[in-house]
C-alpha atoms as a PDB file:
ATOM      1  CA  MET A   1     -30.584  -4.221 -74.642  1.00  0.00           C
ATOM      2  CA  ALA A   2     -29.403  -6.905 -72.207  1.00  0.00           C
ATOM      3  CA  ARG A   3     -30.272 -10.473 -72.956  1.00  0.00           C
ATOM      4  CA  ALA A   4     -32.694 -12.087 -70.557  1.00  0.00           C
ATOM      5  CA  GLY A   5     -31.212 -14.654 -68.115  1.00  0.00           C
ATOM      6  CA  ILE A   6     -27.925 -12.914 -67.180  1.00  0.00           C
ATOM      7  CA  LEU A   7     -27.819 -13.015 -63.358  1.00  0.00           C
ATOM      8  CA  TYR A   8     -25.331 -11.894 -60.740  1.00  0.00           C
ATOM      9  CA  SER A   9     -24.604 -15.516 -59.903  1.00  0.00           C
ATOM     10  CA  HIS A  10     -23.430 -16.130 -63.491  1.00  0.00           C
ATOM     11  CA  VAL A  11     -21.125 -13.120 -63.407  1.00  0.00           C
ATOM     12  CA  ALA A  12     -19.803 -14.059 -59.947  1.00  0.00           C
ATOM     13  CA  LYS A  13     -19.107 -17.652 -61.028  1.00  0.00           C
ATOM     14  CA  ALA A  14     -17.196 -16.582 -64.129  1.00  0.00           C
ATOM     15  CA  ALA A  15     -15.194 -13.963 -62.202  1.00  0.00           C
ATOM     16  CA  ALA A  16     -14.314 -16.507 -59.498  1.00  0.00           C
ATOM     17  CA  GLN A  17     -13.116 -19.003 -62.091  1.00  0.00           C
ATOM     18  CA  LEU A  18     -10.929 -16.335 -63.749  1.00  0.00           C
ATOM     19  CA  ALA A  19      -9.477 -15.292 -60.402  1.00  0.00           C
ATOM     20  CA  ALA A  20      -8.807 -18.926 -59.474  1.00  0.00           C
ATOM     21  CA  ALA A  21      -6.987 -19.352 -62.767  1.00  0.00           C
ATOM     22  CA  GLY A  22      -4.782 -16.364 -61.946  1.00  0.00           C
ATOM     23  CA  LYS A  23      -6.445 -14.048 -64.454  1.00  0.00           C
ATOM     24  CA  ASN A  24      -7.767 -10.573 -63.818  1.00  0.00           C
ATOM     25  CA  PRO A  25     -11.564 -10.624 -64.254  1.00  0.00           C
ATOM     26  CA  THR A  26     -12.691  -7.824 -66.530  1.00  0.00           C
ATOM     27  CA  VAL A  27     -15.937  -7.168 -68.406  1.00  0.00           C
ATOM     28  CA  ASP A  28     -14.521  -8.691 -71.604  1.00  0.00           C
ATOM     29  CA  THR A  29     -12.959 -11.765 -69.925  1.00  0.00           C
ATOM     30  CA  VAL A  30     -16.082 -12.434 -67.892  1.00  0.00           C
ATOM     31  CA  ARG A  31     -18.296 -12.062 -70.987  1.00  0.00           C
ATOM     32  CA  GLU A  32     -15.971 -14.413 -72.846  1.00  0.00           C
ATOM     33  CA  ALA A  33     -16.053 -16.944 -69.953  1.00  0.00           C
ATOM     34  CA  MET A  34     -19.854 -16.887 -70.092  1.00  0.00           C
ATOM     35  CA  GLY A  35     -19.756 -17.797 -73.784  1.00  0.00           C
ATOM     36  CA  GLY A  36     -20.111 -14.280 -75.145  1.00  0.00           C
ATOM     37  CA  THR A  37     -23.560 -13.731 -73.682  1.00  0.00           C
ATOM     38  CA  GLY A  38     -24.750 -10.587 -71.927  1.00  0.00           C
ATOM     39  CA  SER A  39     -24.057  -6.945 -72.671  1.00  0.00           C
ATOM     40  CA  LYS A  40     -21.194  -5.041 -71.155  1.00  0.00           C
ATOM     41  CA  SER A  41     -23.579  -2.540 -69.557  1.00  0.00           C
ATOM     42  CA  THR A  42     -25.272  -5.418 -67.710  1.00  0.00           C
ATOM     43  CA  ILE A  43     -22.075  -7.247 -66.741  1.00  0.00           C
ATOM     44  CA  ALA A  44     -20.173  -4.132 -65.592  1.00  0.00           C
ATOM     45  CA  PRO A  45     -22.212  -3.259 -62.423  1.00  0.00           C
ATOM     46  CA  MET A  46     -22.428  -6.926 -61.426  1.00  0.00           C
ATOM     47  CA  LEU A  47     -18.685  -7.367 -61.866  1.00  0.00           C
ATOM     48  CA  LYS A  48     -18.061  -4.190 -59.888  1.00  0.00           C
ATOM     49  CA  GLN A  49     -20.186  -5.554 -57.027  1.00  0.00           C
ATOM     50  CA  TRP A  50     -18.313  -8.872 -57.110  1.00  0.00           C
ATOM     51  CA  LYS A  51     -14.915  -7.106 -57.070  1.00  0.00           C
ATOM     52  CA  ALA A  52     -15.989  -5.039 -54.051  1.00  0.00           C
ATOM     53  CA  GLN A  53     -16.876  -8.252 -52.211  1.00  0.00           C
ATOM     54  CA  HIS A  54     -13.703 -10.143 -53.302  1.00  0.00           C
ATOM     55  CA  GLU A  55     -11.122  -7.391 -53.256  1.00  0.00           C
ATOM     56  CA  GLY A  56      -8.464  -9.621 -51.639  1.00  0.00           C
ATOM     57  CA  LYS A  57      -8.709 -12.302 -54.357  1.00  0.00           C
ATOM     58  CA  ILE A  58      -8.424  -9.730 -57.133  1.00  0.00           C
ATOM     59  CA  ALA A  59      -5.369  -8.111 -55.536  1.00  0.00           C
ATOM     60  CA  ALA A  60      -3.707 -11.500 -55.135  1.00  0.00           C
ATOM     61  CA  ALA A  61      -4.435 -12.619 -58.687  1.00  0.00           C
ATOM     62  CA  GLY A  62      -1.427 -12.287 -61.043  1.00  0.00           C
ATOM     63  CA  PRO A  63       0.614 -14.197 -63.595  1.00  0.00           C
ATOM     64  CA  GLY A  64       2.795 -17.023 -62.367  1.00  0.00           C
ATOM     65  CA  LEU A  65       1.165 -17.420 -58.850  1.00  0.00           C
ATOM     66  CA  PRO A  66      -0.511 -20.782 -58.139  1.00  0.00           C
ATOM     67  CA  ALA A  67      -4.212 -20.431 -57.495  1.00  0.00           C
ATOM     68  CA  ASP A  68      -4.287 -23.014 -54.684  1.00  0.00           C
ATOM     69  CA  LEU A  69      -1.523 -21.193 -52.793  1.00  0.00           C
ATOM     70  CA  LEU A  70      -3.284 -17.875 -53.144  1.00  0.00           C
ATOM     71  CA  GLU A  71      -6.546 -19.430 -52.075  1.00  0.00           C
ATOM     72  CA  ALA A  72      -4.900 -21.056 -49.025  1.00  0.00           C
ATOM     73  CA  VAL A  73      -3.245 -17.767 -47.976  1.00  0.00           C
ATOM     74  CA  GLN A  74      -6.478 -15.894 -48.571  1.00  0.00           C
ATOM     75  CA  GLY A  75      -8.428 -18.501 -46.565  1.00  0.00           C
ATOM     76  CA  VAL A  76      -6.023 -18.247 -43.636  1.00  0.00           C
ATOM     77  CA  TYR A  77      -6.185 -14.468 -43.768  1.00  0.00           C
ATOM     78  CA  GLU A  78      -9.977 -14.445 -43.938  1.00  0.00           C
ATOM     79  CA  ARG A  79     -10.323 -16.919 -41.081  1.00  0.00           C
ATOM     80  CA  VAL A  80      -7.910 -14.911 -38.922  1.00  0.00           C
ATOM     81  CA  GLN A  81      -9.683 -11.711 -39.906  1.00  0.00           C
ATOM     82  CA  GLU A  82     -13.132 -13.138 -39.161  1.00  0.00           C
ATOM     83  CA  GLY A  83     -11.984 -14.623 -35.837  1.00  0.00           C
ATOM     84  CA  ALA A  84     -10.414 -11.348 -34.759  1.00  0.00           C
ATOM     85  CA  LYS A  85     -13.501  -9.412 -35.844  1.00  0.00           C
ATOM     86  CA  ALA A  86     -15.762 -11.820 -33.980  1.00  0.00           C
ATOM     87  CA  GLN A  87     -13.676 -11.527 -30.824  1.00  0.00           C
ATOM     88  CA  VAL A  88     -13.548  -7.746 -31.140  1.00  0.00           C
ATOM     89  CA  GLU A  89     -17.320  -7.541 -31.667  1.00  0.00           C
ATOM     90  CA  GLN A  90     -17.960  -9.903 -28.762  1.00  0.00           C
ATOM     91  CA  LEU A  91     -15.646  -7.945 -26.465  1.00  0.00           C
ATOM     92  CA  ARG A  92     -17.218  -4.694 -27.614  1.00  0.00           C
ATOM     93  CA  ALA A  93     -20.670  -6.059 -26.881  1.00  0.00           C
ATOM     94  CA  GLU A  94     -19.542  -7.333 -23.461  1.00  0.00           C
ATOM     95  CA  HIS A  95     -17.840  -4.006 -22.793  1.00  0.00           C
ATOM     96  CA  GLN A  96     -20.972  -2.097 -23.786  1.00  0.00           C
ATOM     97  CA  VAL A  97     -23.176  -4.301 -21.580  1.00  0.00           C
ATOM     98  CA  ALA A  98     -20.743  -3.969 -18.656  1.00  0.00           C
ATOM     99  CA  ALA A  99     -20.530  -0.204 -19.188  1.00  0.00           C
ATOM    100  CA  GLN A 100     -24.324   0.082 -19.250  1.00  0.00           C
ATOM    101  CA  GLU A 101     -24.639  -2.034 -16.094  1.00  0.00           C
ATOM    102  CA  ALA A 102     -21.919   0.017 -14.428  1.00  0.00           C
ATOM    103  CA  ALA A 103     -23.643   3.263 -15.451  1.00  0.00           C
ATOM    104  CA  ARG A 104     -26.963   1.994 -14.088  1.00  0.00           C
ATOM    105  CA  ALA A 105     -25.278   0.834 -10.892  1.00  0.00           C
ATOM    106  CA  VAL A 106     -23.508   4.194 -10.513  1.00  0.00           C
ATOM    107  CA  ALA A 107     -26.757   6.088 -11.128  1.00  0.00           C
ATOM    108  CA  ALA A 108     -28.590   3.867  -8.632  1.00  0.00           C
ATOM    109  CA  LEU A 109     -25.818   4.312  -6.075  1.00  0.00           C
ATOM    110  CA  HIS A 110     -25.801   8.064  -6.570  1.00  0.00           C
ATOM    111  CA  ALA A 111     -29.583   8.199  -6.172  1.00  0.00           C
ATOM    112  CA  GLU A 112     -29.417   5.973  -3.096  1.00  0.00           C
ATOM    113  CA  GLY A 113     -26.565   8.097  -1.736  1.00  0.00           C
ATOM    114  CA  ARG A 114     -28.636  11.256  -2.170  1.00  0.00           C
ATOM    115  CA  HIS A 115     -31.617   9.546  -0.562  1.00  0.00           C
ATOM    116  CA  LEU A 116     -29.470   8.329   2.339  1.00  0.00           C
ATOM    117  CA  GLY A 117     -27.981  11.796   2.719  1.00  0.00           C
ATOM    118  CA  ALA A 118     -31.451  13.312   2.935  1.00  0.00           C
ATOM    119  CA  GLU A 119     -32.503  10.639   5.437  1.00  0.00           C
ATOM    120  CA  ARG A 120     -29.334  11.243   7.440  1.00  0.00           C
ATOM    121  CA  GLU A 121     -30.033  14.980   7.571  1.00  0.00           C
ATOM    122  CA  ALA A 122     -33.647  14.293   8.565  1.00  0.00           C
ATOM    123  CA  LEU A 123     -32.494  11.874  11.284  1.00  0.00           C
ATOM    124  CA  ALA A 124     -29.955  14.419  12.509  1.00  0.00           C
ATOM    125  CA  GLY A 125     -32.726  17.019  12.750  1.00  0.00           C
ATOM    126  CA  GLU A 126     -34.976  14.550  14.566  1.00  0.00           C
ATOM    127  CA  LEU A 127     -32.101  13.656  16.903  1.00  0.00           C
ATOM    128  CA  ALA A 128     -31.482  17.308  17.718  1.00  0.00           C
ATOM    129  CA  SER A 129     -35.206  17.836  18.291  1.00  0.00           C
ATOM    130  CA  VAL A 130     -35.406  14.765  20.536  1.00  0.00           C
ATOM    131  CA  LYS A 131     -32.348  15.905  22.479  1.00  0.00           C
ATOM    132  CA  ALA A 132     -33.878  19.365  22.976  1.00  0.00           C
ATOM    133  CA  THR A 133     -37.179  17.785  24.042  1.00  0.00           C
ATOM    134  CA  LEU A 134     -35.308  15.462  26.400  1.00  0.00           C
ATOM    135  CA  ALA A 135     -33.451  18.397  27.940  1.00  0.00           C
ATOM    136  CA  ARG A 136     -36.708  20.299  28.407  1.00  0.00           C
ATOM    137  CA  GLU A 137     -38.378  17.224  29.910  1.00  0.00           C
ATOM    138  CA  GLN A 138     -35.470  16.698  32.288  1.00  0.00           C
ATOM    139  CA  ALA A 139     -35.595  20.357  33.354  1.00  0.00           C
ATOM    140  CA  ALA A 140     -39.363  20.121  33.853  1.00  0.00           C
ATOM    141  CA  ARG A 141     -38.954  16.899  35.847  1.00  0.00           C
ATOM    142  CA  GLN A 142     -36.314  18.523  38.049  1.00  0.00           C
ATOM    143  CA  LYS A 143     -38.598  21.515  38.573  1.00  0.00           C
ATOM    144  CA  ASP A 144     -41.520  19.202  39.386  1.00  0.00           C
ATOM    145  CA  ALA A 145     -39.304  17.296  41.817  1.00  0.00           C
ATOM    146  CA  VAL A 146     -38.380  20.550  43.567  1.00  0.00           C
ATOM    147  CA  VAL A 147     -42.065  21.562  43.731  1.00  0.00           C
ATOM    148  CA  LEU A 148     -43.024  18.136  45.074  1.00  0.00           C
ATOM    149  CA  ALA A 149     -40.284  18.296  47.698  1.00  0.00           C
ATOM    150  CA  ALA A 150     -41.490  21.749  48.753  1.00  0.00           C
ATOM    151  CA  LEU A 151     -45.092  20.519  48.923  1.00  0.00           C
ATOM    152  CA  GLU A 152     -44.052  17.489  50.973  1.00  0.00           C
ATOM    153  CA  SER A 153     -42.068  19.726  53.336  1.00  0.00           C
ATOM    154  CA  GLU A 154     -45.009  22.125  53.695  1.00  0.00           C
ATOM    155  CA  LYS A 155     -47.350  19.195  54.273  1.00  0.00           C
ATOM    156  CA  ASP A 156     -45.081  17.820  57.011  1.00  0.00           C
ATOM    157  CA  GLY A 157     -44.858  21.263  58.602  1.00  0.00           C
ATOM    158  CA  GLN A 158     -48.642  21.691  58.609  1.00  0.00           C
ATOM    159  CA  ALA A 159     -49.079  18.228  60.066  1.00  0.00           C
ATOM    160  CA  GLN A 160     -46.590  19.065  62.817  1.00  0.00           C
ATOM    161  CA  ARG A 161     -48.338  22.371  63.562  1.00  0.00           C
ATOM    162  CA  LEU A 162     -51.685  20.549  63.675  1.00  0.00           C
ATOM    163  CA  ALA A 163     -50.239  17.998  66.090  1.00  0.00           C
ATOM    164  CA  ASP A 164     -48.844  20.804  68.283  1.00  0.00           C
ATOM    165  CA  ARG A 165     -52.240  22.543  68.405  1.00  0.00           C
ATOM    166  CA  ALA A 166     -53.985  19.300  69.243  1.00  0.00           C
ATOM    167  CA  ALA A 167     -51.491  18.787  72.094  1.00  0.00           C
ATOM    168  CA  GLU A 168     -52.196  22.311  73.355  1.00  0.00           C
ATOM    169  CA  VAL A 169     -55.961  21.644  73.206  1.00  0.00           C
ATOM    170  CA  ARG A 170     -55.503  18.434  75.204  1.00  0.00           C
ATOM    171  CA  GLU A 171     -53.371  20.260  77.746  1.00  0.00           C
ATOM    172  CA  LEU A 172     -56.005  22.987  78.145  1.00  0.00           C
ATOM    173  CA  ALA A 173     -58.741  20.384  78.482  1.00  0.00           C
ATOM    174  CA  ASP A 174     -56.703  18.672  81.215  1.00  0.00           C
ATOM    175  CA  GLN A 175     -56.299  21.984  83.008  1.00  0.00           C
ATOM    176  CA  LEU A 176     -60.064  22.630  82.793  1.00  0.00           C
ATOM    177  CA  ALA A 177     -60.820  19.147  84.152  1.00  0.00           C
ATOM    178  CA  GLN A 178     -58.362  19.688  86.977  1.00  0.00           C
ATOM    179  CA  ALA A 179     -59.958  23.051  87.791  1.00  0.00           C
ATOM    180  CA  ARG A 180     -63.398  21.470  87.911  1.00  0.00           C
ATOM    181  CA  ARG A 181     -62.120  18.725  90.224  1.00  0.00           C
ATOM    182  CA  GLN A 182     -60.588  21.319  92.487  1.00  0.00           C
ATOM    183  CA  PHE A 183     -63.841  23.272  92.437  1.00  0.00           C
ATOM    184  CA  GLU A 184     -65.833  20.189  93.439  1.00  0.00           C
ATOM    185  CA  HIS A 185     -63.330  19.430  96.194  1.00  0.00           C
ATOM    186  CA  PHE A 186     -63.659  22.876  97.654  1.00  0.00           C
ATOM    187  CA  HIS A 187     -67.438  22.745  97.246  1.00  0.00           C
ATOM    188  CA  ASP A 188     -67.571  19.603  99.421  1.00  0.00           C
ATOM    189  CA  ALA A 189     -65.513  21.325 102.114  1.00  0.00           C
ATOM    190  CA  SER A 190     -67.065  22.955 105.073  1.00  0.00           C
ATOM    191  CA  ALA A 191     -69.667  25.612 104.646  1.00  0.00           C
ATOM    192  CA  THR A 192     -67.556  28.137 106.409  1.00  0.00           C
ATOM    193  CA  GLN A 193     -64.647  27.400 104.228  1.00  0.00           C
ATOM    194  CA  ARG A 194     -67.015  27.509 101.283  1.00  0.00           C
ATOM    195  CA  HIS A 195     -68.362  30.824 102.391  1.00  0.00           C
ATOM    196  CA  ASP A 196     -64.917  32.209 102.926  1.00  0.00           C
ATOM    197  CA  ASP A 197     -63.576  30.809  99.742  1.00  0.00           C
ATOM    198  CA  LYS A 198     -66.739  31.327  97.689  1.00  0.00           C
ATOM    199  CA  SER A 199     -65.728  34.724  96.450  1.00  0.00           C
ATOM    200  CA  ALA A 200     -62.221  33.552  95.653  1.00  0.00           C
ATOM    201  CA  TYR A 201     -63.527  30.466  93.958  1.00  0.00           C
ATOM    202  CA  GLU A 202     -66.152  32.409  92.036  1.00  0.00           C
ATOM    203  CA  ALA A 203     -63.475  34.793  90.850  1.00  0.00           C
ATOM    204  CA  ARG A 204     -61.255  31.906  89.971  1.00  0.00           C
ATOM    205  CA  ILE A 205     -64.168  30.106  88.285  1.00  0.00           C
ATOM    206  CA  ALA A 206     -64.932  33.273  86.379  1.00  0.00           C
ATOM    207  CA  ARG A 207     -61.342  33.419  85.246  1.00  0.00           C
ATOM    208  CA  THR A 208     -61.422  29.726  84.513  1.00  0.00           C
ATOM    209  CA  GLU A 209     -64.671  30.091  82.531  1.00  0.00           C
ATOM    210  CA  GLN A 210     -63.140  32.989  80.716  1.00  0.00           C
ATOM    211  CA  GLU A 211     -60.087  30.872  79.991  1.00  0.00           C
ATOM    212  CA  ALA A 212     -62.364  28.023  79.020  1.00  0.00           C
ATOM    213  CA  ALA A 213     -64.229  30.352  76.633  1.00  0.00           C
ATOM    214  CA  MET A 214     -60.918  31.426  75.255  1.00  0.00           C
ATOM    215  CA  LEU A 215     -59.886  27.791  74.976  1.00  0.00           C
ATOM    216  CA  ARG A 216     -63.187  26.946  73.248  1.00  0.00           C
ATOM    217  CA  THR A 217     -62.617  29.804  70.827  1.00  0.00           C
ATOM    218  CA  TYR A 218     -59.046  28.640  70.312  1.00  0.00           C
ATOM    219  CA  LEU A 219     -60.290  25.064  69.883  1.00  0.00           C
ATOM    220  CA  GLN A 220     -62.883  26.225  67.306  1.00  0.00           C
ATOM    221  CA  ASP A 221     -60.199  28.183  65.497  1.00  0.00           C
ATOM    222  CA  SER A 222     -57.954  25.128  65.624  1.00  0.00           C
ATOM    223  CA  ARG A 223     -60.757  22.976  64.233  1.00  0.00           C
ATOM    224  CA  GLU A 224     -61.366  25.478  61.409  1.00  0.00           C
ATOM    225  CA  ALA A 225     -57.636  25.639  60.770  1.00  0.00           C
ATOM    226  CA  LEU A 226     -57.568  21.818  60.776  1.00  0.00           C
ATOM    227  CA  ALA A 227     -60.453  21.777  58.256  1.00  0.00           C
ATOM    228  CA  VAL A 228     -58.574  24.273  56.088  1.00  0.00           C
ATOM    229  CA  LEU A 229     -55.426  22.190  56.379  1.00  0.00           C
ATOM    230  CA  ARG A 230     -57.380  19.074  55.450  1.00  0.00           C
ATOM    231  CA  SER A 231     -58.852  20.866  52.418  1.00  0.00           C
ATOM    232  CA  GLU A 232     -55.391  22.074  51.458  1.00  0.00           C
ATOM    233  CA  LYS A 233     -54.096  18.535  51.944  1.00  0.00           C
ATOM    234  CA  VAL A 234     -56.813  17.163  49.596  1.00  0.00           C
ATOM    235  CA  HIS A 235     -55.955  19.872  47.057  1.00  0.00           C
ATOM    236  CA  LEU A 236     -52.251  19.146  47.440  1.00  0.00           C
ATOM    237  CA  ASP A 237     -52.887  15.411  47.056  1.00  0.00           C
ATOM    238  CA  HIS A 238     -54.939  16.066  43.895  1.00  0.00           C
ATOM    239  CA  THR A 239     -52.264  18.409  42.527  1.00  0.00           C
ATOM    240  CA  LEU A 240     -49.583  15.882  43.377  1.00  0.00           C
ATOM    241  CA  ALA A 241     -51.531  13.099  41.632  1.00  0.00           C
ATOM    242  CA  GLU A 242     -51.962  15.272  38.504  1.00  0.00           C
ATOM    243  CA  GLN A 243     -48.269  16.178  38.493  1.00  0.00           C
ATOM    244  CA  LEU A 244     -47.292  12.539  38.984  1.00  0.00           C
ATOM    245  CA  ALA A 245     -49.607  11.531  36.093  1.00  0.00           C
ATOM    246  CA  GLY A 246     -48.090  14.272  33.927  1.00  0.00           C
ATOM    247  CA  ALA A 247     -44.602  13.155  34.898  1.00  0.00           C
ATOM    248  CA  ARG A 248     -45.466   9.549  34.043  1.00  0.00           C
ATOM    249  CA  GLU A 249     -46.923  10.614  30.674  1.00  0.00           C
ATOM    250  CA  LYS A 250     -43.842  12.724  29.921  1.00  0.00           C
ATOM    251  CA  ALA A 251     -41.595   9.823  30.915  1.00  0.00           C
ATOM    252  CA  LEU A 252     -43.579   7.518  28.592  1.00  0.00           C
ATOM    253  CA  LYS A 253     -43.262   9.996  25.710  1.00  0.00           C
ATOM    254  CA  LEU A 254     -39.567  10.317  26.441  1.00  0.00           C
ATOM    255  CA  TYR A 255     -39.207   6.521  26.404  1.00  0.00           C
ATOM    256  CA  GLU A 256     -41.093   6.305  23.079  1.00  0.00           C
ATOM    257  CA  ALA A 257     -38.922   9.063  21.586  1.00  0.00           C
ATOM    258  CA  THR A 258     -35.791   7.251  22.809  1.00  0.00           C
ATOM    259  CA  GLU A 259     -37.001   3.982  21.223  1.00  0.00           C
ATOM    260  CA  ALA A 260     -37.753   5.782  17.930  1.00  0.00           C
ATOM    261  CA  LEU A 261     -34.312   7.386  18.015  1.00  0.00           C
ATOM    262  CA  THR A 262     -32.682   3.989  18.619  1.00  0.00           C
ATOM    263  CA  ALA A 263     -34.617   2.475  15.687  1.00  0.00           C
ATOM    264  CA  ALA A 264     -33.607   5.425  13.470  1.00  0.00           C
ATOM    265  CA  ARG A 265     -29.963   4.978  14.431  1.00  0.00           C
ATOM    266  CA  GLU A 266     -30.115   1.251  13.626  1.00  0.00           C
ATOM    267  CA  MET A 267     -31.753   2.025  10.263  1.00  0.00           C
ATOM    268  CA  ALA A 268     -29.052   4.620   9.478  1.00  0.00           C
ATOM    269  CA  ILE A 269     -26.320   2.080  10.333  1.00  0.00           C
ATOM    270  CA  SER A 270     -28.026  -0.534   8.084  1.00  0.00           C
ATOM    271  CA  ARG A 271     -28.294   1.983   5.215  1.00  0.00           C
ATOM    272  CA  GLN A 272     -24.631   2.928   5.672  1.00  0.00           C
ATOM    273  CA  PHE A 273     -23.643  -0.771   5.487  1.00  0.00           C
ATOM    274  CA  GLU A 274     -25.728  -1.253   2.316  1.00  0.00           C
ATOM    275  CA  MET A 275     -24.107   1.793   0.760  1.00  0.00           C
ATOM    276  CA  GLU A 276     -20.611   0.458   1.540  1.00  0.00           C
ATOM    277  CA  MET A 277     -21.531  -2.927  -0.013  1.00  0.00           C
ATOM    278  CA  ALA A 278     -22.843  -1.157  -3.133  1.00  0.00           C
ATOM    279  CA  GLU A 279     -19.604   0.852  -3.398  1.00  0.00           C
ATOM    280  CA  GLU A 280     -17.634  -2.394  -3.136  1.00  0.00           C
ATOM    281  CA  ARG A 281     -19.739  -3.977  -5.927  1.00  0.00           C
ATOM    282  CA  LEU A 282     -19.185  -0.857  -8.034  1.00  0.00           C
ATOM    283  CA  GLY A 283     -15.438  -1.236  -7.527  1.00  0.00           C
ATOM    284  CA  HIS A 284     -15.600  -4.875  -8.725  1.00  0.00           C
ATOM    285  CA  VAL A 285     -17.580  -3.835 -11.818  1.00  0.00           C
ATOM    286  CA  GLN A 286     -15.061  -1.069 -12.550  1.00  0.00           C
ATOM    287  CA  GLN A 287     -12.163  -3.546 -12.253  1.00  0.00           C
ATOM    288  CA  ALA A 288     -13.917  -5.971 -14.645  1.00  0.00           C
ATOM    289  CA  ASN A 289     -14.516  -3.088 -17.050  1.00  0.00           C
ATOM    290  CA  ASP A 290     -10.823  -2.144 -16.910  1.00  0.00           C
ATOM    291  CA  ARG A 291      -9.846  -5.762 -17.644  1.00  0.00           C
ATOM    292  CA  LEU A 292     -12.241  -5.885 -20.635  1.00  0.00           C
ATOM    293  CA  GLU A 293     -10.837  -2.639 -22.024  1.00  0.00           C
ATOM    294  CA  ALA A 294      -7.291  -3.972 -21.660  1.00  0.00           C
ATOM    295  CA  ARG A 295      -8.240  -7.237 -23.418  1.00  0.00           C
ATOM    296  CA  LEU A 296      -9.953  -5.273 -26.217  1.00  0.00           C
ATOM    297  CA  ALA A 297      -6.822  -3.182 -26.703  1.00  0.00           C
ATOM    298  CA  GLU A 298      -4.714  -6.393 -26.851  1.00  0.00           C
ATOM    299  CA  LEU A 299      -7.028  -7.957 -29.475  1.00  0.00           C
ATOM    300  CA  GLU A 300      -7.016  -4.801 -31.577  1.00  0.00           C
ATOM    301  CA  GLY A 301      -3.221  -4.807 -31.414  1.00  0.00           C
ATOM    302  CA  GLU A 302      -3.148  -8.469 -32.459  1.00  0.00           C
ATOM    303  CA  ASN A 303      -5.531  -7.671 -35.315  1.00  0.00           C
ATOM    304  CA  VAL A 304      -3.231  -4.909 -36.560  1.00  0.00           C
ATOM    305  CA  LEU A 305      -0.213  -7.251 -36.341  1.00  0.00           C
ATOM    306  CA  LEU A 306      -2.066  -9.980 -38.288  1.00  0.00           C
ATOM    307  CA  LYS A 307      -3.027  -7.499 -40.998  1.00  0.00           C
ATOM    308  CA  ALA A 308       0.560  -6.306 -41.192  1.00  0.00           C
ATOM    309  CA  LYS A 309       1.880  -9.874 -41.366  1.00  0.00           C
ATOM    310  CA  ALA A 310      -0.602 -10.787 -44.121  1.00  0.00           C
ATOM    311  CA  THR A 311       0.308  -7.653 -46.099  1.00  0.00           C
ATOM    312  CA  VAL A 312       4.004  -8.402 -45.764  1.00  0.00           C
ATOM    313  CA  ALA A 313       3.602 -12.137 -46.529  1.00  0.00           C
ATOM    314  CA  ALA A 314       1.914 -11.680 -49.912  1.00  0.00           C
ATOM    315  CA  PRO A 315       4.799  -9.774 -51.636  1.00  0.00           C
ATOM    316  CA  LYS A 316       7.356 -12.163 -50.137  1.00  0.00           C
ATOM    317  CA  ILE A 317       5.484 -15.169 -51.503  1.00  0.00           C
ATOM    318  CA  ARG A 318       5.231 -13.573 -54.957  1.00  0.00           C
ATOM    319  CA  ALA A 319       8.932 -12.641 -54.840  1.00  0.00           C
ATOM    320  CA  ARG A 320       9.937 -16.186 -53.911  1.00  0.00           C
ATOM    321  CA  LYS A 321       7.806 -17.615 -56.698  1.00  0.00           C
ATOM    322  CA  THR A 322       9.295 -15.393 -59.384  1.00  0.00           C
END
């Protein structure tokens, strides 16, 4: 059974003293250094643990080699080793952080690129739709302009025909007034002349009355035609007003669609600029990552060289001493 009170610190202290004195720490030497206390079964696992933690000191320990020299060489080696390890770990951590940031940035850029591509396709579809609508609106406006021109021409023609008929009515009225004046003149003439001319005048009056009846009928027809033309003019004016209102509404919609298209183009240009800036930032991150990887490779190479130098230096120092 192991004696109570034997701790790892006791075994480690005795082993360190033996190694500092240039002796190889074993179970027997450690037990002897502790004054013969402790069982071998208790000391053995503790000594094994200490040797695993101080492998360099045990390898350097040997007869005829000063302990202070070995300790100085081992201290330099450990400090160089620890510094190199710290730098390697720091660079690895920085590299890992930079790689994670770069991966996140790449994923974000890819997602944004896909989103921008979808938006670009949607905007292209909207642009094609707006262009088709604009073409249809322009064709409709041209057709409406042709219809309006035809209506205006027809309106002018009807107005001219109405003016011509009014002129004819005035001319016929003048002829009737002149006939009546002539009839009154002949009526005031002598009785004989009236008697002689009565039949002729009555025949002429009959013809004149017949012409007057015809003129009245023509005048009534002209008035009815004028009323119809006025009704058609009102209808044409109403139709023209509706078409003008429709044309104005279509023009307003076209203007709004053009404004929306302009805003969409400006947004697409802004998104394209943001995407280019993100690609530039990604390039900077990639360059920094490449520099970190190169520095890590240099430090690992320096670490290997230091290990090689320390391995080579120990035999040379022992050879010089002997």
